[in-house]
Amino acid sequence: VESGGGLVQPGGSLRLSCAASGSIFGLMGWYRQ
């Protein structure tokens, strides 16, 4: 479950979070489209 997205001005900052459950994970990552 991702959270933290939104609208921000150029030069600004955001922090995205991903809450994972149901397993123990090896590789994790962020992608975008």
All heavy atoms as atom14 arrays in JSON, in Angstrom:
{
  "sequence": "VESGGGLVQPGGSLRLSCAASGSIFGLMGWYRQ",
  "atom14_mask": [
    [1, 1, 1, 1, 1, 1, 1, 0, 0, 0, 0, 0, 0, 0],
    [1, 1, 1, 1, 1, 1, 1, 1, 1, 0, 0, 0, 0, 0],
    [1, 1, 1, 1, 1, 1, 0, 0, 0, 0, 0, 0, 0, 0],
    [1, 1, 1, 1, 0, 0, 0, 0, 0, 0, 0, 0, 0, 0],
    [1, 1, 1, 1, 0, 0, 0, 0, 0, 0, 0, 0, 0, 0],
    [1, 1, 1, 1, 0, 0, 0, 0, 0, 0, 0, 0, 0, 0],
    [1, 1, 1, 1, 1, 1, 1, 1, 0, 0, 0, 0, 0, 0],
    [1, 1, 1, 1, 1, 1, 1, 0, 0, 0, 0, 0, 0, 0],
    [1, 1, 1, 1, 1, 1, 1, 1, 1, 0, 0, 0, 0, 0],
    [1, 1, 1, 1, 1, 1, 1, 0, 0, 0, 0, 0, 0, 0],
    [1, 1, 1, 1, 0, 0, 0, 0, 0, 0, 0, 0, 0, 0],
    [1, 1, 1, 1, 0, 0, 0, 0, 0, 0, 0, 0, 0, 0],
    [1, 1, 1, 1, 1, 1, 0, 0, 0, 0, 0, 0, 0, 0],
    [1, 1, 1, 1, 1, 1, 1, 1, 0, 0, 0, 0, 0, 0],
    [1, 1, 1, 1, 1, 1, 1, 1, 1, 1, 1, 0, 0, 0],
    [1, 1, 1, 1, 1, 1, 1, 1, 0, 0, 0, 0, 0, 0],
    [1, 1, 1, 1, 1, 1, 0, 0, 0, 0, 0, 0, 0, 0],
    [1, 1, 1, 1, 1, 1, 0, 0, 0, 0, 0, 0, 0, 0],
    [1, 1, 1, 1, 1, 0, 0, 0, 0, 0, 0, 0, 0, 0],
    [1, 1, 1, 1, 1, 0, 0, 0, 0, 0, 0, 0, 0, 0],
    [1, 1, 1, 1, 1, 1, 0, 0, 0, 0, 0, 0, 0, 0],
    [1, 1, 1, 1, 0, 0, 0, 0, 0, 0, 0, 0, 0, 0],
    [1, 1, 1, 1, 1, 1, 0, 0, 0, 0, 0, 0, 0, 0],
    [1, 1, 1, 1, 1, 1, 1, 1, 0, 0, 0, 0, 0, 0],
    [1, 1, 1, 1, 1, 1, 1, 1, 1, 1, 1, 0, 0, 0],
    [1, 1, 1, 1, 0, 0, 0, 0, 0, 0, 0, 0, 0, 0],
    [1, 1, 1, 1, 1, 1, 1, 1, 0, 0, 0, 0, 0, 0],
    [1, 1, 1, 1, 1, 1, 1, 1, 0, 0, 0, 0, 0, 0],
    [1, 1, 1, 1, 0, 0, 0, 0, 0, 0, 0, 0, 0, 0],
    [1, 1, 1, 1, 1, 1, 1, 1, 1, 1, 1, 1, 1, 1],
    [1, 1, 1, 1, 1, 1, 1, 1, 1, 1, 1, 1, 0, 0],
    [1, 1, 1, 1, 1, 1, 1, 1, 1, 1, 1, 0, 0, 0],
    [1, 1, 1, 1, 1, 1, 1, 1, 1, 0, 0, 0, 0, 0]
  ],
  "atom14_positions": [
    [[0.84, -1.18, 0.0], [0.0, 0.0, 0.0], [0.88, 1.24, 0.0], [1.64, 1.47, 0.95], [-0.94, 0.02, 1.22], [-1.8, 1.28, 1.19], [-1.8, -1.23, 1.24], [0.0, 0.0, 0.0], [0.0, 0.0, 0.0], [0.0, 0.0, 0.0], [0.0, 0.0, 0.0], [0.0, 0.0, 0.0], [0.0, 0.0, 0.0], [0.0, 0.0, 0.0]],
    [[0.78, 2.01, -1.08], [1.57, 3.23, -1.2], [0.81, 4.43, -0.64], [-0.42, 4.46, -0.67], [1.92, 3.51, -2.67], [2.66, 2.4, -3.38], [1.76, 1.56, -4.26], [0.55, 1.47, -3.94], [2.25, 1.01, -5.26], [0.0, 0.0, 0.0], [0.0, 0.0, 0.0], [0.0, 0.0, 0.0], [0.0, 0.0, 0.0], [0.0, 0.0, 0.0]],
    [[1.57, 5.41, -0.2], [0.99, 6.66, 0.26], [2.01, 7.78, 0.1], [3.2, 7.51, -0.11], [0.55, 6.56, 1.72], [1.65, 6.29, 2.56], [0.0, 0.0, 0.0], [0.0, 0.0, 0.0], [0.0, 0.0, 0.0], [0.0, 0.0, 0.0], [0.0, 0.0, 0.0], [0.0, 0.0, 0.0], [0.0, 0.0, 0.0], [0.0, 0.0, 0.0]],
    [[1.53, 9.02, 0.2], [2.43, 10.15, 0.19], [2.47, 10.96, -1.08], [3.13, 12.01, -1.13], [0.0, 0.0, 0.0], [0.0, 0.0, 0.0], [0.0, 0.0, 0.0], [0.0, 0.0, 0.0], [0.0, 0.0, 0.0], [0.0, 0.0, 0.0], [0.0, 0.0, 0.0], [0.0, 0.0, 0.0], [0.0, 0.0, 0.0], [0.0, 0.0, 0.0]],
    [[1.78, 10.51, -2.11], [1.78, 11.28, -3.35], [0.96, 12.55, -3.23], [0.27, 12.77, -2.24], [0.0, 0.0, 0.0], [0.0, 0.0, 0.0], [0.0, 0.0, 0.0], [0.0, 0.0, 0.0], [0.0, 0.0, 0.0], [0.0, 0.0, 0.0], [0.0, 0.0, 0.0], [0.0, 0.0, 0.0], [0.0, 0.0, 0.0], [0.0, 0.0, 0.0]],
    [[1.08, 13.4, -4.24], [0.32, 14.64, -4.24], [0.84, 15.62, -5.25], [1.63, 15.28, -6.13], [0.0, 0.0, 0.0], [0.0, 0.0, 0.0], [0.0, 0.0, 0.0], [0.0, 0.0, 0.0], [0.0, 0.0, 0.0], [0.0, 0.0, 0.0], [0.0, 0.0, 0.0], [0.0, 0.0, 0.0], [0.0, 0.0, 0.0], [0.0, 0.0, 0.0]],
    [[0.42, 16.86, -5.09], [0.82, 17.95, -5.97], [1.9, 18.77, -5.27], [1.74, 19.16, -4.11], [-0.39, 18.84, -6.29], [-0.11, 20.13, -7.06], [0.42, 19.81, -8.45], [-1.39, 20.97, -7.15], [0.0, 0.0, 0.0], [0.0, 0.0, 0.0], [0.0, 0.0, 0.0], [0.0, 0.0, 0.0], [0.0, 0.0, 0.0], [0.0, 0.0, 0.0]],
    [[2.97, 19.04, -5.99], [4.07, 19.81, -5.41], [4.65, 20.71, -6.5], [4.61, 20.37, -7.69], [5.15, 18.86, -4.84], [5.78, 18.02, -5.93], [6.21, 19.63, -4.06], [0.0, 0.0, 0.0], [0.0, 0.0, 0.0], [0.0, 0.0, 0.0], [0.0, 0.0, 0.0], [0.0, 0.0, 0.0], [0.0, 0.0, 0.0], [0.0, 0.0, 0.0]],
    [[5.17, 21.84, -6.09], [5.78, 22.76, -7.06], [7.18, 22.29, -7.44], [7.84, 21.58, -6.66], [5.86, 24.16, -6.45], [4.5, 24.82, -6.26], [4.64, 26.27, -5.82], [5.67, 26.7, -5.32], [3.57, 27.04, -6.01], [0.0, 0.0, 0.0], [0.0, 0.0, 0.0], [0.0, 0.0, 0.0], [0.0, 0.0, 0.0], [0.0, 0.0, 0.0]],
    [[7.65, 22.67, -8.61], [9.03, 22.34, -8.99], [10.01, 22.81, -7.92], [9.88, 23.91, -7.38], [9.22, 23.1, -10.3], [7.84, 23.19, -10.87], [6.93, 23.37, -9.68], [0.0, 0.0, 0.0], [0.0, 0.0, 0.0], [0.0, 0.0, 0.0], [0.0, 0.0, 0.0], [0.0, 0.0, 0.0], [0.0, 0.0, 0.0], [0.0, 0.0, 0.0]],
    [[10.97, 21.95, -7.62], [11.94, 22.24, -6.57], [11.51, 21.76, -5.2], [12.32, 21.78, -4.26], [0.0, 0.0, 0.0], [0.0, 0.0, 0.0], [0.0, 0.0, 0.0], [0.0, 0.0, 0.0], [0.0, 0.0, 0.0], [0.0, 0.0, 0.0], [0.0, 0.0, 0.0], [0.0, 0.0, 0.0], [0.0, 0.0, 0.0], [0.0, 0.0, 0.0]],
    [[10.29, 21.32, -5.08], [9.76, 20.87, -3.8], [10.12, 19.42, -3.5], [10.87, 18.77, -4.24], [0.0, 0.0, 0.0], [0.0, 0.0, 0.0], [0.0, 0.0, 0.0], [0.0, 0.0, 0.0], [0.0, 0.0, 0.0], [0.0, 0.0, 0.0], [0.0, 0.0, 0.0], [0.0, 0.0, 0.0], [0.0, 0.0, 0.0], [0.0, 0.0, 0.0]],
    [[9.58, 18.94, -2.39], [9.89, 17.59, -1.91], [8.61, 16.83, -1.56], [7.6, 17.44, -1.19], [10.78, 17.65, -0.66], [12.0, 18.28, -0.94], [0.0, 0.0, 0.0], [0.0, 0.0, 0.0], [0.0, 0.0, 0.0], [0.0, 0.0, 0.0], [0.0, 0.0, 0.0], [0.0, 0.0, 0.0], [0.0, 0.0, 0.0], [0.0, 0.0, 0.0]],
    [[8.71, 15.53, -1.67], [7.66, 14.62, -1.22], [8.32, 13.37, -0.69], [9.43, 13.01, -1.12], [6.72, 14.23, -2.38], [5.6, 15.18, -2.79], [4.87, 14.61, -4.0], [4.63, 15.44, -1.66], [0.0, 0.0, 0.0], [0.0, 0.0, 0.0], [0.0, 0.0, 0.0], [0.0, 0.0, 0.0], [0.0, 0.0, 0.0], [0.0, 0.0, 0.0]],
    [[7.62, 12.7, 0.21], [8.11, 11.42, 0.73], [7.03, 10.38, 0.51], [5.91, 10.51, 1.03], [8.45, 11.52, 2.22], [9.07, 10.25, 2.78], [9.48, 10.46, 4.23], [10.11, 9.29, 4.8], [11.41, 9.01, 4.72], [12.2, 9.85, 4.07], [11.91, 7.91, 5.26], [0.0, 0.0, 0.0], [0.0, 0.0, 0.0], [0.0, 0.0, 0.0]],
    [[7.37, 9.37, -0.27], [6.45, 8.26, -0.52], [6.75, 7.12, 0.43], [7.91, 6.87, 0.78], [6.59, 7.76, -1.96], [6.42, 8.8, -3.08], [6.52, 8.11, -4.44], [5.13, 9.54, -2.94], [0.0, 0.0, 0.0], [0.0, 0.0, 0.0], [0.0, 0.0, 0.0], [0.0, 0.0, 0.0], [0.0, 0.0, 0.0], [0.0, 0.0, 0.0]],
    [[5.7, 6.43, 0.84], [5.87, 5.26, 1.7], [5.12, 4.08, 1.11], [4.07, 4.24, 0.49], [5.34, 5.56, 3.1], [6.12, 6.54, 3.74], [0.0, 0.0, 0.0], [0.0, 0.0, 0.0], [0.0, 0.0, 0.0], [0.0, 0.0, 0.0], [0.0, 0.0, 0.0], [0.0, 0.0, 0.0], [0.0, 0.0, 0.0], [0.0, 0.0, 0.0]],
    [[5.68, 2.9, 1.34], [5.05, 1.65, 0.93], [5.01, 0.74, 2.14], [6.05, 0.38, 2.69], [5.84, 1.0, -0.2], [5.27, -0.64, -0.68], [0.0, 0.0, 0.0], [0.0, 0.0, 0.0], [0.0, 0.0, 0.0], [0.0, 0.0, 0.0], [0.0, 0.0, 0.0], [0.0, 0.0, 0.0], [0.0, 0.0, 0.0], [0.0, 0.0, 0.0]],
    [[3.79, 0.39, 2.54], [3.61, -0.55, 3.65], [3.38, -1.93, 3.07], [2.41, -2.15, 2.35], [2.43, -0.12, 4.51], [0.0, 0.0, 0.0], [0.0, 0.0, 0.0], [0.0, 0.0, 0.0], [0.0, 0.0, 0.0], [0.0, 0.0, 0.0], [0.0, 0.0, 0.0], [0.0, 0.0, 0.0], [0.0, 0.0, 0.0], [0.0, 0.0, 0.0]],
    [[4.28, -2.85, 3.38], [4.22, -4.2, 2.83], [3.8, -5.18, 3.91], [4.2, -5.05, 5.07], [5.57, -4.59, 2.26], [0.0, 0.0, 0.0], [0.0, 0.0, 0.0], [0.0, 0.0, 0.0], [0.0, 0.0, 0.0], [0.0, 0.0, 0.0], [0.0, 0.0, 0.0], [0.0, 0.0, 0.0], [0.0, 0.0, 0.0], [0.0, 0.0, 0.0]],
    [[3.04, -6.18, 3.54], [2.62, -7.2, 4.49], [2.42, -8.52, 3.77], [2.3, -8.57, 2.55], [1.33, -6.78, 5.19], [0.28, -6.61, 4.25], [0.0, 0.0, 0.0], [0.0, 0.0, 0.0], [0.0, 0.0, 0.0], [0.0, 0.0, 0.0], [0.0, 0.0, 0.0], [0.0, 0.0, 0.0], [0.0, 0.0, 0.0], [0.0, 0.0, 0.0]],
    [[2.42, -9.6, 4.54], [2.11, -10.91, 3.99], [3.3, -11.76, 3.63], [3.13, -12.92, 3.23], [0.0, 0.0, 0.0], [0.0, 0.0, 0.0], [0.0, 0.0, 0.0], [0.0, 0.0, 0.0], [0.0, 0.0, 0.0], [0.0, 0.0, 0.0], [0.0, 0.0, 0.0], [0.0, 0.0, 0.0], [0.0, 0.0, 0.0], [0.0, 0.0, 0.0]],
    [[4.51, -11.24, 3.76], [5.7, -12.02, 3.44], [6.94, -11.3, 3.94], [6.86, -10.18, 4.45], [5.79, -12.22, 1.93], [6.85, -13.11, 1.6], [0.0, 0.0, 0.0], [0.0, 0.0, 0.0], [0.0, 0.0, 0.0], [0.0, 0.0, 0.0], [0.0, 0.0, 0.0], [0.0, 0.0, 0.0], [0.0, 0.0, 0.0], [0.0, 0.0, 0.0]],
    [[8.05, -11.98, 3.8], [9.36, -11.35, 4.04], [9.98, -11.14, 2.67], [10.12, -12.08, 1.89], [10.26, -12.24, 4.91], [9.6, -12.47, 6.28], [11.63, -11.58, 5.1], [10.34, -13.45, 7.15], [0.0, 0.0, 0.0], [0.0, 0.0, 0.0], [0.0, 0.0, 0.0], [0.0, 0.0, 0.0], [0.0, 0.0, 0.0], [0.0, 0.0, 0.0]],
    [[10.34, -9.89, 2.41], [10.71, -9.52, 1.06], [12.21, -9.36, 0.89], [12.91, -8.87, 1.77], [10.0, -8.21, 0.67], [8.51, -8.32, 0.72], [7.81, -7.87, 1.83], [7.81, -8.87, -0.33], [6.44, -7.99, 1.89], [6.43, -8.99, -0.29], [5.74, -8.54, 0.82], [0.0, 0.0, 0.0], [0.0, 0.0, 0.0], [0.0, 0.0, 0.0]],
    [[12.66, -9.78, -0.28], [14.05, -9.6, -0.62], [14.23, -8.29, -1.36], [14.61, -7.27, -0.81], [0.0, 0.0, 0.0], [0.0, 0.0, 0.0], [0.0, 0.0, 0.0], [0.0, 0.0, 0.0], [0.0, 0.0, 0.0], [0.0, 0.0, 0.0], [0.0, 0.0, 0.0], [0.0, 0.0, 0.0], [0.0, 0.0, 0.0], [0.0, 0.0, 0.0]],
    [[13.92, -8.29, -2.64], [14.03, -7.09, -3.45], [12.76, -6.24, -3.34], [11.66, -6.75, -3.46], [14.26, -7.48, -4.91], [14.42, -6.33, -5.92], [15.69, -5.55, -5.63], [14.43, -6.89, -7.33], [0.0, 0.0, 0.0], [0.0, 0.0, 0.0], [0.0, 0.0, 0.0], [0.0, 0.0, 0.0], [0.0, 0.0, 0.0], [0.0, 0.0, 0.0]],
    [[12.97, -4.96, -3.08], [11.86, -4.01, -3.06], [12.27, -2.78, -3.86], [13.46, -2.45, -3.94], [11.48, -3.6, -1.64], [11.01, -4.75, -0.77], [10.46, -4.2, 0.87], [8.87, -3.44, 0.46], [0.0, 0.0, 0.0], [0.0, 0.0, 0.0], [0.0, 0.0, 0.0], [0.0, 0.0, 0.0], [0.0, 0.0, 0.0], [0.0, 0.0, 0.0]],
    [[11.29, -2.11, -4.41], [11.65, -0.93, -5.18], [10.47, -0.08, -5.56], [9.31, -0.43, -5.32], [0.0, 0.0, 0.0], [0.0, 0.0, 0.0], [0.0, 0.0, 0.0], [0.0, 0.0, 0.0], [0.0, 0.0, 0.0], [0.0, 0.0, 0.0], [0.0, 0.0, 0.0], [0.0, 0.0, 0.0], [0.0, 0.0, 0.0], [0.0, 0.0, 0.0]],
    [[10.79, 1.07, -6.12], [9.79, 2.0, -6.64], [9.95, 2.1, -8.16], [11.08, 2.18, -8.67], [9.97, 3.39, -6.03], [9.53, 3.48, -4.62], [10.29, 3.36, -3.5], [8.19, 3.74, -4.17], [9.52, 3.5, -2.37], [8.22, 3.74, -2.76], [6.97, 3.95, -4.81], [7.09, 3.96, -1.98], [5.85, 4.18, -4.04], [5.91, 4.17, -2.64]],
    [[8.83, 2.13, -8.82], [8.76, 2.35, -10.25], [7.78, 3.49, -10.5], [7.02, 3.86, -9.62], [8.27, 1.08, -10.97], [9.27, -0.04, -10.97], [9.58, -0.72, -9.8], [9.9, -0.44, -12.14], [10.52, -1.75, -9.79], [10.83, -1.47, -12.16], [11.13, -2.12, -10.98], [12.05, -3.13, -10.98], [0.0, 0.0, 0.0], [0.0, 0.0, 0.0]],
    [[7.81, 4.03, -11.71], [6.86, 5.09, -12.02], [6.43, 4.98, -13.48], [7.16, 4.47, -14.33], [7.46, 6.47, -11.75], [8.62, 6.86, -12.65], [9.23, 8.18, -12.18], [10.33, 8.61, -13.04], [11.11, 9.66, -12.78], [10.9, 10.4, -11.68], [12.08, 9.99, -13.62], [0.0, 0.0, 0.0], [0.0, 0.0, 0.0], [0.0, 0.0, 0.0]],
    [[5.23, 5.5, -13.72], [4.71, 5.51, -15.07], [4.07, 6.87, -15.35], [3.08, 7.23, -14.7], [3.68, 4.39, -15.28], [3.23, 4.25, -16.71], [2.5, 2.95, -16.96], [2.07, 2.26, -16.03], [2.38, 2.56, -18.22], [0.0, 0.0, 0.0], [0.0, 0.0, 0.0], [0.0, 0.0, 0.0], [0.0, 0.0, 0.0], [0.0, 0.0, 0.0]]
  ]
}
